[in-house]
């Protein structure tokens, strides 16, 4: 994870919406030194729904990170955020390609239409359109309300419509099972396709860029964090607080706790003035 990602992630954790562990799982699994094959094997046991949800999160995340980090860089080939979004889109399509076999489109074939009286279905659809037109053109309020009620209650219960609904219900169940079934070992592998080769190239490029950025971060010397107060200042604060809370030390002309609060307020004002001068 590069320096920008670390800053963005800390901001999201503090101020952003709740993020589940599965939302950014794909990004977490893409580690420098890990091959594309290793990445695919790490997805065994996950569902396609996990992958698709994580890919959607990653695309939105990287698009936003790229915009806030410099919007003009999103389509740059050296920008890992733009490459990540492209990779996630294509990877989601690749792991979900089996969906075309489950969405048969059989209801649009001549065989299906002839079997289930498609002509009768069209006649019922004409009735629906006529009701819609009449409800829009009717001037009499009572008749208009009556026509709208009929239109809203209308249901095309033709043989074709019922058969199509049953088909879609079955396909929906099959798709749900396909998306939620855990991926098995060897299920997502190199099939020799151009799509797979493109995914592997994109993955390797992202890993290479992240690896270079990670090395840069490690090579940088991190400045030693300076304490807010030195030891003598901390000792003075402790002494003042002890005096303020000691009931036997009430001989002060001024309330010590109020004086401490005032001094603290003065320090915070100075800090605020300095922050205002910083160019972001």
C-alpha atoms as a PDB file:
ATOM      1  CA  UNK A   1       0.000   0.000   0.000  1.00  0.00           C
ATOM      2  CA  UNK A   2       1.546   3.343  -1.041  1.00  0.00           C
ATOM      3  CA  UNK A   3       1.719   6.492   1.104  1.00  0.00           C
ATOM      4  CA  UNK A   4      -1.325   8.072  -0.525  1.00  0.00           C
ATOM      5  CA  UNK A   5      -3.376   4.907   0.060  1.00  0.00           C
ATOM      6  CA  UNK A   6      -2.367   4.890   3.730  1.00  0.00           C
ATOM      7  CA  UNK A   7      -3.484   8.481   4.225  1.00  0.00           C
ATOM      8  CA  UNK A   8      -6.727   7.901   2.301  1.00  0.00           C
ATOM      9  CA  UNK A   9      -7.504   4.712   4.219  1.00  0.00           C
ATOM     10  CA  UNK A  10      -6.969   6.398   7.588  1.00  0.00           C
ATOM     11  CA  UNK A  11      -9.298   9.214   6.512  1.00  0.00           C
ATOM     12  CA  UNK A  12     -11.952   6.753   5.356  1.00  0.00           C
ATOM     13  CA  UNK A  13     -11.761   4.787   8.589  1.00  0.00           C
ATOM     14  CA  UNK A  14     -12.255   7.952  10.669  1.00  0.00           C
ATOM     15  CA  UNK A  15     -14.736   9.923   8.579  1.00  0.00           C
ATOM     16  CA  UNK A  16     -16.153   7.599   5.938  1.00  0.00           C
ATOM     17  CA  UNK A  17     -19.068   5.166   6.021  1.00  0.00           C
ATOM     18  CA  UNK A  18     -18.618   1.768   7.692  1.00  0.00           C
ATOM     19  CA  UNK A  19     -16.518  -0.516   5.476  1.00  0.00           C
ATOM     20  CA  UNK A  20     -16.859  -4.266   5.852  1.00  0.00           C
ATOM     21  CA  UNK A  21     -13.844  -6.562   5.573  1.00  0.00           C
ATOM     22  CA  UNK A  22     -15.107  -7.935   2.259  1.00  0.00           C
ATOM     23  CA  UNK A  23     -15.540  -4.522   0.624  1.00  0.00           C
ATOM     24  CA  UNK A  24     -11.847  -3.926  -0.043  1.00  0.00           C
ATOM     25  CA  UNK A  25     -10.805  -7.581  -0.018  1.00  0.00           C
ATOM     26  CA  UNK A  26      -9.599  -7.691  -3.621  1.00  0.00           C
ATOM     27  CA  UNK A  27      -7.327  -4.690  -3.105  1.00  0.00           C
ATOM     28  CA  UNK A  28      -5.903  -6.225   0.060  1.00  0.00           C
ATOM     29  CA  UNK A  29      -5.119  -9.480  -1.759  1.00  0.00           C
ATOM     30  CA  UNK A  30      -3.148  -7.660  -4.495  1.00  0.00           C
ATOM     31  CA  UNK A  31       0.292  -7.643  -2.870  1.00  0.00           C
ATOM     32  CA  UNK A  32       3.737  -6.913  -4.361  1.00  0.00           C
ATOM     33  CA  UNK A  33       5.607 -10.142  -5.057  1.00  0.00           C
ATOM     34  CA  UNK A  34       2.393 -12.117  -5.584  1.00  0.00           C
ATOM     35  CA  UNK A  35       1.719 -13.536  -9.051  1.00  0.00           C
ATOM     36  CA  UNK A  36      -1.620 -13.341 -10.827  1.00  0.00           C
ATOM     37  CA  UNK A  37      -1.989 -17.090 -10.298  1.00  0.00           C
ATOM     38  CA  UNK A  38      -1.445 -16.618  -6.547  1.00  0.00           C
ATOM     39  CA  UNK A  39      -4.085 -13.890  -6.572  1.00  0.00           C
ATOM     40  CA  UNK A  40      -6.613 -16.169  -8.290  1.00  0.00           C
ATOM     41  CA  UNK A  41      -5.908 -19.039  -5.896  1.00  0.00           C
ATOM     42  CA  UNK A  42      -6.491 -16.693  -2.947  1.00  0.00           C
ATOM     43  CA  UNK A  43     -10.105 -16.305  -4.119  1.00  0.00           C
ATOM     44  CA  UNK A  44     -10.963 -19.983  -3.612  1.00  0.00           C
ATOM     45  CA  UNK A  45     -13.826 -20.267  -1.153  1.00  0.00           C
ATOM     46  CA  UNK A  46     -15.095 -16.771  -1.937  1.00  0.00           C
ATOM     47  CA  UNK A  47     -18.279 -16.255  -3.891  1.00  0.00           C
ATOM     48  CA  UNK A  48     -18.713 -14.322  -7.110  1.00  0.00           C
ATOM     49  CA  UNK A  49     -20.943 -11.955  -5.189  1.00  0.00           C
ATOM     50  CA  UNK A  50     -18.020 -11.241  -2.838  1.00  0.00           C
ATOM     51  CA  UNK A  51     -15.795 -10.538  -5.829  1.00  0.00           C
ATOM     52  CA  UNK A  52     -18.321  -8.372  -7.694  1.00  0.00           C
ATOM     53  CA  UNK A  53     -19.163  -6.341  -4.576  1.00  0.00           C
ATOM     54  CA  UNK A  54     -15.484  -5.856  -3.784  1.00  0.00           C
ATOM     55  CA  UNK A  55     -14.738  -4.883  -7.396  1.00  0.00           C
ATOM     56  CA  UNK A  56     -17.521  -2.269  -7.307  1.00  0.00           C
ATOM     57  CA  UNK A  57     -16.131  -0.834  -4.067  1.00  0.00           C
ATOM     58  CA  UNK A  58     -12.601  -0.801  -5.503  1.00  0.00           C
ATOM     59  CA  UNK A  59     -13.688   1.070  -8.649  1.00  0.00           C
ATOM     60  CA  UNK A  60     -15.452   3.774  -6.625  1.00  0.00           C
ATOM     61  CA  UNK A  61     -12.595   3.943  -4.141  1.00  0.00           C
ATOM     62  CA  UNK A  62      -9.884   4.291  -6.777  1.00  0.00           C
ATOM     63  CA  UNK A  63     -11.861   6.787  -8.816  1.00  0.00           C
ATOM     64  CA  UNK A  64     -12.335   8.985  -5.746  1.00  0.00           C
ATOM     65  CA  UNK A  65      -8.750   8.566  -4.603  1.00  0.00           C
ATOM     66  CA  UNK A  66      -7.503   9.498  -8.055  1.00  0.00           C
ATOM     67  CA  UNK A  67      -9.762  12.550  -8.259  1.00  0.00           C
ATOM     68  CA  UNK A  68      -8.752  13.850  -4.846  1.00  0.00           C
ATOM     69  CA  UNK A  69      -5.148  13.044  -5.567  1.00  0.00           C
ATOM     70  CA  UNK A  70      -5.211  14.820  -8.951  1.00  0.00           C
ATOM     71  CA  UNK A  71      -8.131  14.118 -11.276  1.00  0.00           C
ATOM     72  CA  UNK A  72      -6.134  14.528 -14.472  1.00  0.00           C
ATOM     73  CA  UNK A  73      -4.042  11.473 -13.642  1.00  0.00           C
ATOM     74  CA  UNK A  74      -6.868   8.933 -13.616  1.00  0.00           C
ATOM     75  CA  UNK A  75      -6.326   7.659 -17.178  1.00  0.00           C
ATOM     76  CA  UNK A  76      -2.553   7.879 -16.944  1.00  0.00           C
ATOM     77  CA  UNK A  77      -0.932   4.476 -17.535  1.00  0.00           C
ATOM     78  CA  UNK A  78       1.344   5.089 -14.548  1.00  0.00           C
ATOM     79  CA  UNK A  79      -1.551   5.817 -12.202  1.00  0.00           C
ATOM     80  CA  UNK A  80      -2.328   2.665 -10.155  1.00  0.00           C
ATOM     81  CA  UNK A  81      -5.804   3.973  -9.294  1.00  0.00           C
ATOM     82  CA  UNK A  82      -6.859   4.260 -12.938  1.00  0.00           C
ATOM     83  CA  UNK A  83      -5.322   0.887 -13.741  1.00  0.00           C
ATOM     84  CA  UNK A  84      -6.998  -0.678 -10.717  1.00  0.00           C
ATOM     85  CA  UNK A  85     -10.425   0.577 -11.811  1.00  0.00           C
ATOM     86  CA  UNK A  86      -9.852  -0.805 -15.314  1.00  0.00           C
ATOM     87  CA  UNK A  87      -8.651  -4.132 -13.926  1.00  0.00           C
ATOM     88  CA  UNK A  88     -11.605  -4.493 -11.533  1.00  0.00           C
ATOM     89  CA  UNK A  89     -14.122  -3.805 -14.300  1.00  0.00           C
ATOM     90  CA  UNK A  90     -12.613  -6.412 -16.611  1.00  0.00           C
ATOM     91  CA  UNK A  91     -12.011  -8.918 -13.814  1.00  0.00           C
ATOM     92  CA  UNK A  92     -15.637  -8.646 -12.683  1.00  0.00           C
ATOM     93  CA  UNK A  93     -16.794  -9.362 -16.239  1.00  0.00           C
ATOM     94  CA  UNK A  94     -14.386 -12.300 -16.501  1.00  0.00           C
ATOM     95  CA  UNK A  95     -15.470 -14.121 -13.321  1.00  0.00           C
ATOM     96  CA  UNK A  96     -19.136 -13.426 -14.135  1.00  0.00           C
ATOM     97  CA  UNK A  97     -19.104 -14.589 -17.755  1.00  0.00           C
ATOM     98  CA  UNK A  98     -21.037 -17.764 -16.881  1.00  0.00           C
ATOM     99  CA  UNK A  99     -24.093 -15.581 -16.319  1.00  0.00           C
ATOM    100  CA  UNK A 100     -24.777 -15.617 -20.073  1.00  0.00           C
ATOM    101  CA  UNK A 101     -25.559 -19.323 -19.881  1.00  0.00           C
ATOM    102  CA  UNK A 102     -28.073 -18.739 -17.083  1.00  0.00           C
ATOM    103  CA  UNK A 103     -29.855 -15.828 -18.764  1.00  0.00           C
ATOM    104  CA  UNK A 104     -31.041 -17.869 -21.725  1.00  0.00           C
ATOM    105  CA  UNK A 105     -33.160 -15.275 -23.471  1.00  0.00           C
ATOM    106  CA  UNK A 106     -35.468 -18.157 -24.410  1.00  0.00           C
ATOM    107  CA  UNK A 107     -38.571 -16.005 -23.957  1.00  0.00           C
ATOM    108  CA  UNK A 108     -37.563 -13.963 -26.995  1.00  0.00           C
ATOM    109  CA  UNK A 109     -37.231 -16.961 -29.320  1.00  0.00           C
ATOM    110  CA  UNK A 110     -39.864 -17.848 -31.910  1.00  0.00           C
ATOM    111  CA  UNK A 111     -40.168 -21.328 -30.446  1.00  0.00           C
ATOM    112  CA  UNK A 112     -41.153 -19.951 -27.020  1.00  0.00           C
ATOM    113  CA  UNK A 113     -43.528 -17.360 -28.496  1.00  0.00           C
ATOM    114  CA  UNK A 114     -45.312 -19.903 -30.684  1.00  0.00           C
ATOM    115  CA  UNK A 115     -45.644 -22.338 -27.821  1.00  0.00           C
ATOM    116  CA  UNK A 116     -47.216 -19.802 -25.434  1.00  0.00           C
ATOM    117  CA  UNK A 117     -49.534 -17.774 -27.699  1.00  0.00           C
ATOM    118  CA  UNK A 118     -47.483 -14.629 -28.121  1.00  0.00           C
ATOM    119  CA  UNK A 119     -50.206 -13.071 -30.271  1.00  0.00           C
ATOM    120  CA  UNK A 120     -52.648 -13.227 -27.346  1.00  0.00           C
ATOM    121  CA  UNK A 121     -50.000 -11.515 -25.233  1.00  0.00           C
ATOM    122  CA  UNK A 122     -49.724  -8.643 -27.726  1.00  0.00           C
ATOM    123  CA  UNK A 123     -53.489  -8.151 -27.628  1.00  0.00           C
ATOM    124  CA  UNK A 124     -53.391  -7.841 -23.849  1.00  0.00           C
ATOM    125  CA  UNK A 125     -50.539  -5.334 -24.137  1.00  0.00           C
ATOM    126  CA  UNK A 126     -52.704  -3.288 -26.517  1.00  0.00           C
ATOM    127  CA  UNK A 127     -55.399  -3.198 -23.844  1.00  0.00           C
ATOM    128  CA  UNK A 128     -52.834  -1.832 -21.390  1.00  0.00           C
ATOM    129  CA  UNK A 129     -51.761   0.918 -23.794  1.00  0.00           C
ATOM    130  CA  UNK A 130     -55.363   1.867 -24.516  1.00  0.00           C
ATOM    131  CA  UNK A 131     -56.126   2.217 -20.797  1.00  0.00           C
ATOM    132  CA  UNK A 132     -53.028   4.382 -20.361  1.00  0.00           C
ATOM    133  CA  UNK A 133     -53.996   6.622 -23.283  1.00  0.00           C
ATOM    134  CA  UNK A 134     -57.602   6.968 -22.086  1.00  0.00           C
ATOM    135  CA  UNK A 135     -56.546   7.812 -18.511  1.00  0.00           C
ATOM    136  CA  UNK A 136     -54.308  10.572 -19.836  1.00  0.00           C
ATOM    137  CA  UNK A 137     -56.803  12.131 -22.264  1.00  0.00           C
ATOM    138  CA  UNK A 138     -60.018  11.851 -20.200  1.00  0.00           C
ATOM    139  CA  UNK A 139     -61.252  15.248 -18.980  1.00  0.00           C
ATOM    140  CA  UNK A 140     -63.961  14.198 -16.554  1.00  0.00           C
ATOM    141  CA  UNK A 141     -62.358  13.812 -13.081  1.00  0.00           C
ATOM    142  CA  UNK A 142     -64.521  10.883 -11.986  1.00  0.00           C
ATOM    143  CA  UNK A 143     -64.017   8.930 -15.211  1.00  0.00           C
ATOM    144  CA  UNK A 144     -60.299   9.761 -15.143  1.00  0.00           C
ATOM    145  CA  UNK A 145     -59.968   8.389 -11.620  1.00  0.00           C
ATOM    146  CA  UNK A 146     -61.850   5.241 -12.646  1.00  0.00           C
ATOM    147  CA  UNK A 147     -59.600   4.717 -15.677  1.00  0.00           C
ATOM    148  CA  UNK A 148     -56.465   5.191 -13.579  1.00  0.00           C
ATOM    149  CA  UNK A 149     -57.730   2.597 -11.128  1.00  0.00           C
ATOM    150  CA  UNK A 150     -58.289   0.111 -13.962  1.00  0.00           C
ATOM    151  CA  UNK A 151     -54.867   0.877 -15.409  1.00  0.00           C
ATOM    152  CA  UNK A 152     -53.117   0.310 -12.069  1.00  0.00           C
ATOM    153  CA  UNK A 153     -54.992  -2.937 -11.486  1.00  0.00           C
ATOM    154  CA  UNK A 154     -54.322  -4.259 -14.993  1.00  0.00           C
ATOM    155  CA  UNK A 155     -52.244  -7.420 -15.199  1.00  0.00           C
ATOM    156  CA  UNK A 156     -51.242  -9.102 -18.390  1.00  0.00           C
ATOM    157  CA  UNK A 157     -52.082 -12.688 -17.499  1.00  0.00           C
ATOM    158  CA  UNK A 158     -51.645 -14.046 -20.980  1.00  0.00           C
ATOM    159  CA  UNK A 159     -50.185 -17.526 -21.368  1.00  0.00           C
ATOM    160  CA  UNK A 160     -46.963 -16.052 -22.721  1.00  0.00           C
ATOM    161  CA  UNK A 161     -46.619 -13.525 -19.875  1.00  0.00           C
ATOM    162  CA  UNK A 162     -47.120 -16.203 -17.216  1.00  0.00           C
ATOM    163  CA  UNK A 163     -44.629 -18.553 -18.888  1.00  0.00           C
ATOM    164  CA  UNK A 164     -42.076 -15.755 -19.178  1.00  0.00           C
ATOM    165  CA  UNK A 165     -42.497 -14.833 -15.506  1.00  0.00           C
ATOM    166  CA  UNK A 166     -41.960 -18.454 -14.496  1.00  0.00           C
ATOM    167  CA  UNK A 167     -38.841 -18.667 -16.670  1.00  0.00           C
ATOM    168  CA  UNK A 168     -37.370 -15.472 -15.231  1.00  0.00           C
ATOM    169  CA  UNK A 169     -38.107 -16.625 -11.677  1.00  0.00           C
ATOM    170  CA  UNK A 170     -36.201 -19.860 -12.288  1.00  0.00           C
ATOM    171  CA  UNK A 171     -33.307 -18.000 -13.914  1.00  0.00           C
ATOM    172  CA  UNK A 172     -33.176 -15.554 -10.986  1.00  0.00           C
ATOM    173  CA  UNK A 173     -32.846 -18.489  -8.597  1.00  0.00           C
ATOM    174  CA  UNK A 174     -30.073 -20.029 -10.732  1.00  0.00           C
ATOM    175  CA  UNK A 175     -28.203 -16.703 -10.891  1.00  0.00           C
ATOM    176  CA  UNK A 176     -28.488 -16.263  -7.139  1.00  0.00           C
ATOM    177  CA  UNK A 177     -27.041 -19.743  -6.593  1.00  0.00           C
ATOM    178  CA  UNK A 178     -24.248 -19.037  -9.120  1.00  0.00           C
ATOM    179  CA  UNK A 179     -23.301 -15.763  -7.434  1.00  0.00           C
ATOM    180  CA  UNK A 180     -23.337 -17.117  -3.881  1.00  0.00           C
ATOM    181  CA  UNK A 181     -21.728 -20.515  -4.465  1.00  0.00           C
ATOM    182  CA  UNK A 182     -18.114 -20.674  -3.172  1.00  0.00           C
ATOM    183  CA  UNK A 183     -15.505 -20.752  -5.949  1.00  0.00           C
ATOM    184  CA  UNK A 184     -13.679 -24.079  -6.142  1.00  0.00           C
ATOM    185  CA  UNK A 185      -9.988 -24.783  -6.713  1.00  0.00           C
ATOM    186  CA  UNK A 186      -9.147 -24.608 -10.430  1.00  0.00           C
ATOM    187  CA  UNK A 187     -12.420 -22.906 -11.363  1.00  0.00           C
ATOM    188  CA  UNK A 188     -10.817 -19.565 -12.295  1.00  0.00           C
ATOM    189  CA  UNK A 189      -7.635 -20.396 -14.199  1.00  0.00           C
ATOM    190  CA  UNK A 190      -5.770 -19.435 -17.359  1.00  0.00           C
ATOM    191  CA  UNK A 191      -8.064 -20.425 -20.201  1.00  0.00           C
ATOM    192  CA  UNK A 192      -5.696 -19.098 -22.852  1.00  0.00           C
ATOM    193  CA  UNK A 193      -8.064 -16.313 -23.840  1.00  0.00           C
ATOM    194  CA  UNK A 194      -7.036 -12.768 -24.778  1.00  0.00           C
ATOM    195  CA  UNK A 195      -9.188 -11.544 -21.882  1.00  0.00           C
ATOM    196  CA  UNK A 196      -7.126 -13.550 -19.388  1.00  0.00           C
ATOM    197  CA  UNK A 197      -3.834 -12.294 -20.860  1.00  0.00           C
ATOM    198  CA  UNK A 198      -5.026  -8.688 -20.631  1.00  0.00           C
ATOM    199  CA  UNK A 199      -6.042  -9.191 -16.990  1.00  0.00           C
ATOM    200  CA  UNK A 200      -2.668 -10.710 -16.159  1.00  0.00           C
ATOM    201  CA  UNK A 201      -0.819  -7.812 -17.829  1.00  0.00           C
ATOM    202  CA  UNK A 202      -2.901  -5.231 -15.965  1.00  0.00           C
ATOM    203  CA  UNK A 203      -2.380  -7.053 -12.671  1.00  0.00           C
ATOM    204  CA  UNK A 204       1.397  -7.241 -13.158  1.00  0.00           C
ATOM    205  CA  UNK A 205       1.587  -3.556 -14.039  1.00  0.00           C
ATOM    206  CA  UNK A 206      -0.377  -2.550 -10.915  1.00  0.00           C
ATOM    207  CA  UNK A 207       1.809  -4.759  -8.702  1.00  0.00           C
ATOM    208  CA  UNK A 208       4.963  -3.321 -10.294  1.00  0.00           C
ATOM    209  CA  UNK A 209       3.871   0.269  -9.652  1.00  0.00           C
ATOM    210  CA  UNK A 210       2.792  -0.487  -6.091  1.00  0.00           C
ATOM    211  CA  UNK A 211       6.071  -2.265  -5.463  1.00  0.00           C
ATOM    212  CA  UNK A 212       8.088   0.751  -6.636  1.00  0.00           C
ATOM    213  CA  UNK A 213       6.034   3.145  -4.532  1.00  0.00           C
ATOM    214  CA  UNK A 214       6.340   0.863  -1.507  1.00  0.00           C
ATOM    215  CA  UNK A 215      10.140   0.811  -1.868  1.00  0.00           C
ATOM    216  CA  UNK A 216      10.253   4.596  -2.034  1.00  0.00           C
ATOM    217  CA  UNK A 217       8.287   4.853   1.201  1.00  0.00           C
ATOM    218  CA  UNK A 218      10.557   2.370   2.985  1.00  0.00           C
ATOM    219  CA  UNK A 219      13.704   4.216   1.817  1.00  0.00           C
ATOM    220  CA  UNK A 220      12.520   7.541   3.177  1.00  0.00           C
ATOM    221  CA  UNK A 221      13.686   8.437   6.649  1.00  0.00           C
ATOM    222  CA  UNK A 222      10.753   9.142   8.868  1.00  0.00           C
ATOM    223  CA  UNK A 223      11.238  12.325  10.967  1.00  0.00           C
ATOM    224  CA  UNK A 224      11.233  11.706  14.696  1.00  0.00           C
ATOM    225  CA  UNK A 225       7.956  12.854  16.201  1.00  0.00           C
ATOM    226  CA  UNK A 226       8.461  15.774  18.586  1.00  0.00           C
ATOM    227  CA  UNK A 227       6.556  15.709  21.892  1.00  0.00           C
ATOM    228  CA  UNK A 228       3.878  18.352  22.325  1.00  0.00           C
ATOM    229  CA  UNK A 229       5.366  19.354  25.719  1.00  0.00           C
ATOM    230  CA  UNK A 230       8.887  18.874  27.053  1.00  0.00           C
ATOM    231  CA  UNK A 231       9.482  17.209  30.411  1.00  0.00           C
ATOM    232  CA  UNK A 232       9.716  20.432  32.411  1.00  0.00           C
ATOM    233  CA  UNK A 233       6.465  21.710  30.883  1.00  0.00           C
ATOM    234  CA  UNK A 234       4.718  18.420  31.680  1.00  0.00           C
ATOM    235  CA  UNK A 235       5.958  18.644  35.293  1.00  0.00           C
ATOM    236  CA  UNK A 236       4.651  22.192  35.587  1.00  0.00           C
ATOM    237  CA  UNK A 237       1.235  21.130  34.284  1.00  0.00           C
ATOM    238  CA  UNK A 238       1.071  18.260  36.769  1.00  0.00           C
ATOM    239  CA  UNK A 239       1.990  20.562  39.646  1.00  0.00           C
ATOM    240  CA  UNK A 240      -0.608  23.138  38.626  1.00  0.00           C
ATOM    241  CA  UNK A 241      -3.290  20.467  38.344  1.00  0.00           C
ATOM    242  CA  UNK A 242      -2.363  19.105  41.789  1.00  0.00           C
ATOM    243  CA  UNK A 243      -2.675  22.554  43.301  1.00  0.00           C
ATOM    244  CA  UNK A 244      -5.963  23.126  41.534  1.00  0.00           C
ATOM    245  CA  UNK A 245      -7.455  19.923  42.917  1.00  0.00           C
ATOM    246  CA  UNK A 246      -6.026  20.172  46.450  1.00  0.00           C
ATOM    247  CA  UNK A 247      -8.692  21.577  48.813  1.00  0.00           C
ATOM    248  CA  UNK A 248      -5.958  22.730  51.276  1.00  0.00           C
ATOM    249  CA  UNK A 249      -4.445  25.022  48.668  1.00  0.00           C
ATOM    250  CA  UNK A 250      -7.331  27.399  48.196  1.00  0.00           C
ATOM    251  CA  UNK A 251      -5.404  30.454  49.402  1.00  0.00           C
ATOM    252  CA  UNK A 252      -4.640  31.523  45.812  1.00  0.00           C
ATOM    253  CA  UNK A 253      -6.145  34.846  44.872  1.00  0.00           C
ATOM    254  CA  UNK A 254      -7.041  33.347  41.473  1.00  0.00           C
ATOM    255  CA  UNK A 255      -8.694  30.028  40.710  1.00  0.00           C
ATOM    256  CA  UNK A 256      -5.742  27.862  39.436  1.00  0.00           C
ATOM    257  CA  UNK A 257      -7.993  25.625  37.336  1.00  0.00           C
ATOM    258  CA  UNK A 258      -9.370  28.635  35.495  1.00  0.00           C
ATOM    259  CA  UNK A 259      -5.840  29.880  34.919  1.00  0.00           C
ATOM    260  CA  UNK A 260      -4.830  26.496  33.508  1.00  0.00           C
ATOM    261  CA  UNK A 261      -7.836  26.490  31.193  1.00  0.00           C
ATOM    262  CA  UNK A 262      -7.016  30.005  30.044  1.00  0.00           C
ATOM    263  CA  UNK A 263      -3.390  29.099  29.329  1.00  0.00           C
ATOM    264  CA  UNK A 264      -4.507  26.018  27.413  1.00  0.00           C
ATOM    265  CA  UNK A 265      -6.920  28.138  25.381  1.00  0.00           C
ATOM    266  CA  UNK A 266      -4.135  30.577  24.512  1.00  0.00           C
ATOM    267  CA  UNK A 267      -1.964  27.704  23.227  1.00  0.00           C
ATOM    268  CA  UNK A 268      -4.790  26.321  21.072  1.00  0.00           C
ATOM    269  CA  UNK A 269      -5.382  29.764  19.542  1.00  0.00           C
ATOM    270  CA  UNK A 270      -1.720  29.964  18.546  1.00  0.00           C
ATOM    271  CA  UNK A 271      -1.929  26.509  16.955  1.00  0.00           C
ATOM    272  CA  UNK A 272      -5.054  27.527  15.031  1.00  0.00           C
ATOM    273  CA  UNK A 273      -3.314  30.621  13.677  1.00  0.00           C
ATOM    274  CA  UNK A 274      -0.376  28.524  12.465  1.00  0.00           C
ATOM    275  CA  UNK A 275      -2.698  25.998  10.767  1.00  0.00           C
ATOM    276  CA  UNK A 276      -4.441  28.803   8.892  1.00  0.00           C
ATOM    277  CA  UNK A 277      -1.102  29.843   7.376  1.00  0.00           C
ATOM    278  CA  UNK A 278      -0.412  26.358   5.987  1.00  0.00           C
ATOM    279  CA  UNK A 279      -1.029  26.122   2.253  1.00  0.00           C
ATOM    280  CA  UNK A 280      -2.876  22.877   1.435  1.00  0.00           C
END
